[in-house]
Amino acid sequence: MKKQIIVDVMDDGEVKIMTKGYTGPMCIEETQFLKDLLGHEVQRQLSVAYYQKENCRKTNRKIIPLCG
């Protein structure tokens, strides 16, 4: 899944920051720069993806000697 940061600015000036494609606390780390720019955080709502572990894909490698 493609990673996205979505910034929604409401008519009253409220700003909502949402993420897609992130798992675990990475979403908070990746959006921190926006929170620093915009001011203090009023509310935080964590999605199910926050509590999921990062997909650990193991790659099977086979080493083939090319010389000798």
N, C-alpha and C. Protein backbone atom coordinates (compact mmCIF):
# COMPACT_ATOMS: atom_id res chain seq x y z
N MET A 1 0.84 -1.18 0.00
CA MET A 1 0.00 0.00 0.00
C MET A 1 0.88 1.24 0.00
N LYS A 2 0.49 2.21 -0.76
CA LYS A 2 1.19 3.47 -0.88
C LYS A 2 1.04 4.27 0.42
N LYS A 3 2.12 4.85 0.91
CA LYS A 3 2.07 5.64 2.14
C LYS A 3 1.66 7.07 1.80
N GLN A 4 0.69 7.58 2.57
CA GLN A 4 0.17 8.93 2.33
C GLN A 4 -0.03 9.67 3.65
N ILE A 5 0.18 10.97 3.60
CA ILE A 5 -0.18 11.87 4.70
C ILE A 5 -1.25 12.79 4.14
N ILE A 6 -2.41 12.80 4.77
CA ILE A 6 -3.55 13.59 4.29
C ILE A 6 -3.79 14.72 5.28
N VAL A 7 -3.80 15.95 4.78
CA VAL A 7 -4.04 17.12 5.61
C VAL A 7 -5.37 17.72 5.18
N ASP A 8 -6.30 17.79 6.11
CA ASP A 8 -7.64 18.30 5.84
C ASP A 8 -7.83 19.60 6.64
N VAL A 9 -8.03 20.71 5.95
CA VAL A 9 -8.24 22.00 6.62
C VAL A 9 -9.73 22.32 6.55
N MET A 10 -10.35 22.42 7.72
CA MET A 10 -11.78 22.67 7.81
C MET A 10 -12.07 24.17 7.64
N ASP A 11 -13.34 24.50 7.42
CA ASP A 11 -13.74 25.91 7.24
C ASP A 11 -13.43 26.77 8.47
N ASP A 12 -13.47 26.16 9.66
CA ASP A 12 -13.21 26.91 10.89
C ASP A 12 -11.72 27.01 11.23
N GLY A 13 -10.85 26.47 10.36
CA GLY A 13 -9.41 26.54 10.57
C GLY A 13 -8.83 25.31 11.25
N GLU A 14 -9.68 24.42 11.71
CA GLU A 14 -9.19 23.19 12.33
C GLU A 14 -8.47 22.35 11.27
N VAL A 15 -7.37 21.76 11.65
CA VAL A 15 -6.58 20.94 10.73
C VAL A 15 -6.58 19.50 11.23
N LYS A 16 -6.90 18.58 10.33
CA LYS A 16 -6.86 17.16 10.66
C LYS A 16 -5.77 16.52 9.82
N ILE A 17 -4.94 15.72 10.47
CA ILE A 17 -3.86 15.02 9.79
C ILE A 17 -4.16 13.53 9.90
N MET A 18 -4.21 12.87 8.76
CA MET A 18 -4.46 11.43 8.72
C MET A 18 -3.36 10.77 7.90
N THR A 19 -3.11 9.52 8.20
CA THR A 19 -2.12 8.77 7.44
C THR A 19 -2.75 7.50 6.89
N LYS A 20 -2.20 7.04 5.79
CA LYS A 20 -2.60 5.76 5.20
C LYS A 20 -1.34 5.02 4.80
N GLY A 21 -1.35 3.72 5.03
CA GLY A 21 -0.22 2.90 4.62
C GLY A 21 0.87 2.75 5.67
N TYR A 22 0.71 3.36 6.82
CA TYR A 22 1.69 3.25 7.91
C TYR A 22 1.16 2.28 8.96
N THR A 23 2.07 1.55 9.60
CA THR A 23 1.70 0.71 10.72
C THR A 23 2.58 1.07 11.91
N GLY A 24 2.05 0.85 13.10
CA GLY A 24 2.80 1.14 14.32
C GLY A 24 2.98 2.64 14.51
N PRO A 25 3.91 3.02 15.37
CA PRO A 25 4.12 4.43 15.70
C PRO A 25 4.77 5.25 14.59
N MET A 26 5.08 4.63 13.47
CA MET A 26 5.70 5.35 12.35
C MET A 26 4.82 6.50 11.87
N CYS A 27 3.50 6.34 11.94
CA CYS A 27 2.60 7.41 11.49
C CYS A 27 2.78 8.68 12.32
N ILE A 28 3.00 8.52 13.61
CA ILE A 28 3.21 9.68 14.48
C ILE A 28 4.54 10.35 14.17
N GLU A 29 5.57 9.55 13.97
CA GLU A 29 6.90 10.09 13.65
C GLU A 29 6.89 10.84 12.32
N GLU A 30 6.21 10.29 11.32
CA GLU A 30 6.19 10.89 9.98
C GLU A 30 5.38 12.18 9.91
N THR A 31 4.44 12.38 10.82
CA THR A 31 3.62 13.60 10.80
C THR A 31 4.06 14.63 11.83
N GLN A 32 5.09 14.34 12.59
CA GLN A 32 5.52 15.25 13.65
C GLN A 32 5.91 16.63 13.11
N PHE A 33 6.53 16.67 11.93
CA PHE A 33 6.95 17.96 11.38
C PHE A 33 5.74 18.87 11.13
N LEU A 34 4.61 18.29 10.74
CA LEU A 34 3.40 19.09 10.53
C LEU A 34 2.85 19.61 11.85
N LYS A 35 2.86 18.77 12.86
CA LYS A 35 2.39 19.19 14.19
C LYS A 35 3.27 20.31 14.74
N ASP A 36 4.57 20.21 14.51
CA ASP A 36 5.49 21.25 14.97
C ASP A 36 5.20 22.58 14.27
N LEU A 37 4.85 22.52 12.98
CA LEU A 37 4.57 23.74 12.22
C LEU A 37 3.23 24.36 12.60
N LEU A 38 2.25 23.52 12.87
CA LEU A 38 0.88 24.01 13.08
C LEU A 38 0.55 24.39 14.52
N GLY A 39 1.32 23.94 15.46
CA GLY A 39 1.03 24.28 16.85
C GLY A 39 0.72 23.05 17.68
N HIS A 40 0.00 23.26 18.77
CA HIS A 40 -0.24 22.15 19.69
C HIS A 40 -1.35 21.22 19.21
N GLU A 41 -1.24 19.99 19.64
CA GLU A 41 -2.20 18.96 19.26
C GLU A 41 -3.36 18.99 20.25
N VAL A 42 -4.58 19.05 19.74
CA VAL A 42 -5.76 19.11 20.58
C VAL A 42 -6.30 17.71 20.87
N GLN A 43 -6.26 16.85 19.87
CA GLN A 43 -6.82 15.51 20.01
C GLN A 43 -6.05 14.55 19.13
N ARG A 44 -5.94 13.30 19.59
CA ARG A 44 -5.29 12.25 18.79
C ARG A 44 -6.20 11.03 18.79
N GLN A 45 -6.48 10.53 17.60
CA GLN A 45 -7.28 9.33 17.46
C GLN A 45 -6.46 8.32 16.67
N LEU A 46 -6.09 7.23 17.32
CA LEU A 46 -5.25 6.23 16.68
C LEU A 46 -6.12 5.17 16.00
N SER A 47 -5.70 4.77 14.82
CA SER A 47 -6.45 3.77 14.06
C SER A 47 -5.95 2.36 14.41
N VAL A 48 -6.61 1.39 13.88
CA VAL A 48 -6.21 -0.01 14.08
C VAL A 48 -4.80 -0.24 13.56
N ALA A 49 -4.42 0.43 12.49
CA ALA A 49 -3.10 0.26 11.88
C ALA A 49 -1.98 0.62 12.87
N TYR A 50 -2.26 1.53 13.80
CA TYR A 50 -1.25 1.92 14.79
C TYR A 50 -0.84 0.72 15.64
N TYR A 51 -1.76 -0.14 15.92
CA TYR A 51 -1.50 -1.27 16.80
C TYR A 51 -0.98 -2.51 16.07
N GLN A 52 -0.85 -2.41 14.74
CA GLN A 52 -0.33 -3.53 13.96
C GLN A 52 1.18 -3.42 13.86
N LYS A 53 1.81 -4.58 13.77
CA LYS A 53 3.26 -4.59 13.60
C LYS A 53 3.58 -4.38 12.13
N GLU A 54 4.76 -3.81 11.90
CA GLU A 54 5.24 -3.60 10.53
C GLU A 54 5.35 -4.95 9.84
N ASN A 55 4.90 -5.00 8.61
CA ASN A 55 5.01 -6.25 7.84
C ASN A 55 6.48 -6.57 7.63
N CYS A 56 6.89 -7.66 8.19
CA CYS A 56 8.28 -8.10 8.04
C CYS A 56 8.32 -9.12 6.92
N ARG A 57 8.79 -8.70 5.80
CA ARG A 57 8.91 -9.61 4.66
C ARG A 57 10.33 -10.13 4.61
N LYS A 58 10.44 -11.41 4.73
CA LYS A 58 11.76 -12.02 4.65
C LYS A 58 12.01 -12.41 3.21
N THR A 59 13.18 -12.08 2.75
CA THR A 59 13.56 -12.43 1.39
C THR A 59 14.48 -13.63 1.45
N ASN A 60 14.11 -14.64 0.73
CA ASN A 60 14.97 -15.81 0.65
C ASN A 60 16.04 -15.54 -0.40
N ARG A 61 17.29 -15.61 0.04
CA ARG A 61 18.39 -15.38 -0.89
C ARG A 61 19.18 -16.66 -1.05
N LYS A 62 19.60 -16.85 -2.23
CA LYS A 62 20.45 -17.99 -2.51
C LYS A 62 21.75 -17.45 -3.10
N ILE A 63 22.86 -17.80 -2.49
CA ILE A 63 24.14 -17.31 -2.94
C ILE A 63 24.74 -18.34 -3.89
N ILE A 64 25.04 -17.88 -5.07
CA ILE A 64 25.61 -18.75 -6.09
C ILE A 64 27.00 -18.22 -6.43
N PRO A 65 28.03 -19.03 -6.20
CA PRO A 65 29.37 -18.56 -6.54
C PRO A 65 29.54 -18.45 -8.07
N LEU A 66 30.00 -17.30 -8.50
CA LEU A 66 30.16 -17.06 -9.94
C LEU A 66 31.56 -17.40 -10.44
N CYS A 67 32.53 -17.32 -9.56
CA CYS A 67 33.90 -17.60 -9.97
C CYS A 67 34.42 -18.80 -9.20
N GLY A 68 34.75 -19.86 -9.94
CA GLY A 68 35.37 -21.06 -9.36
C GLY A 68 34.47 -21.81 -8.55
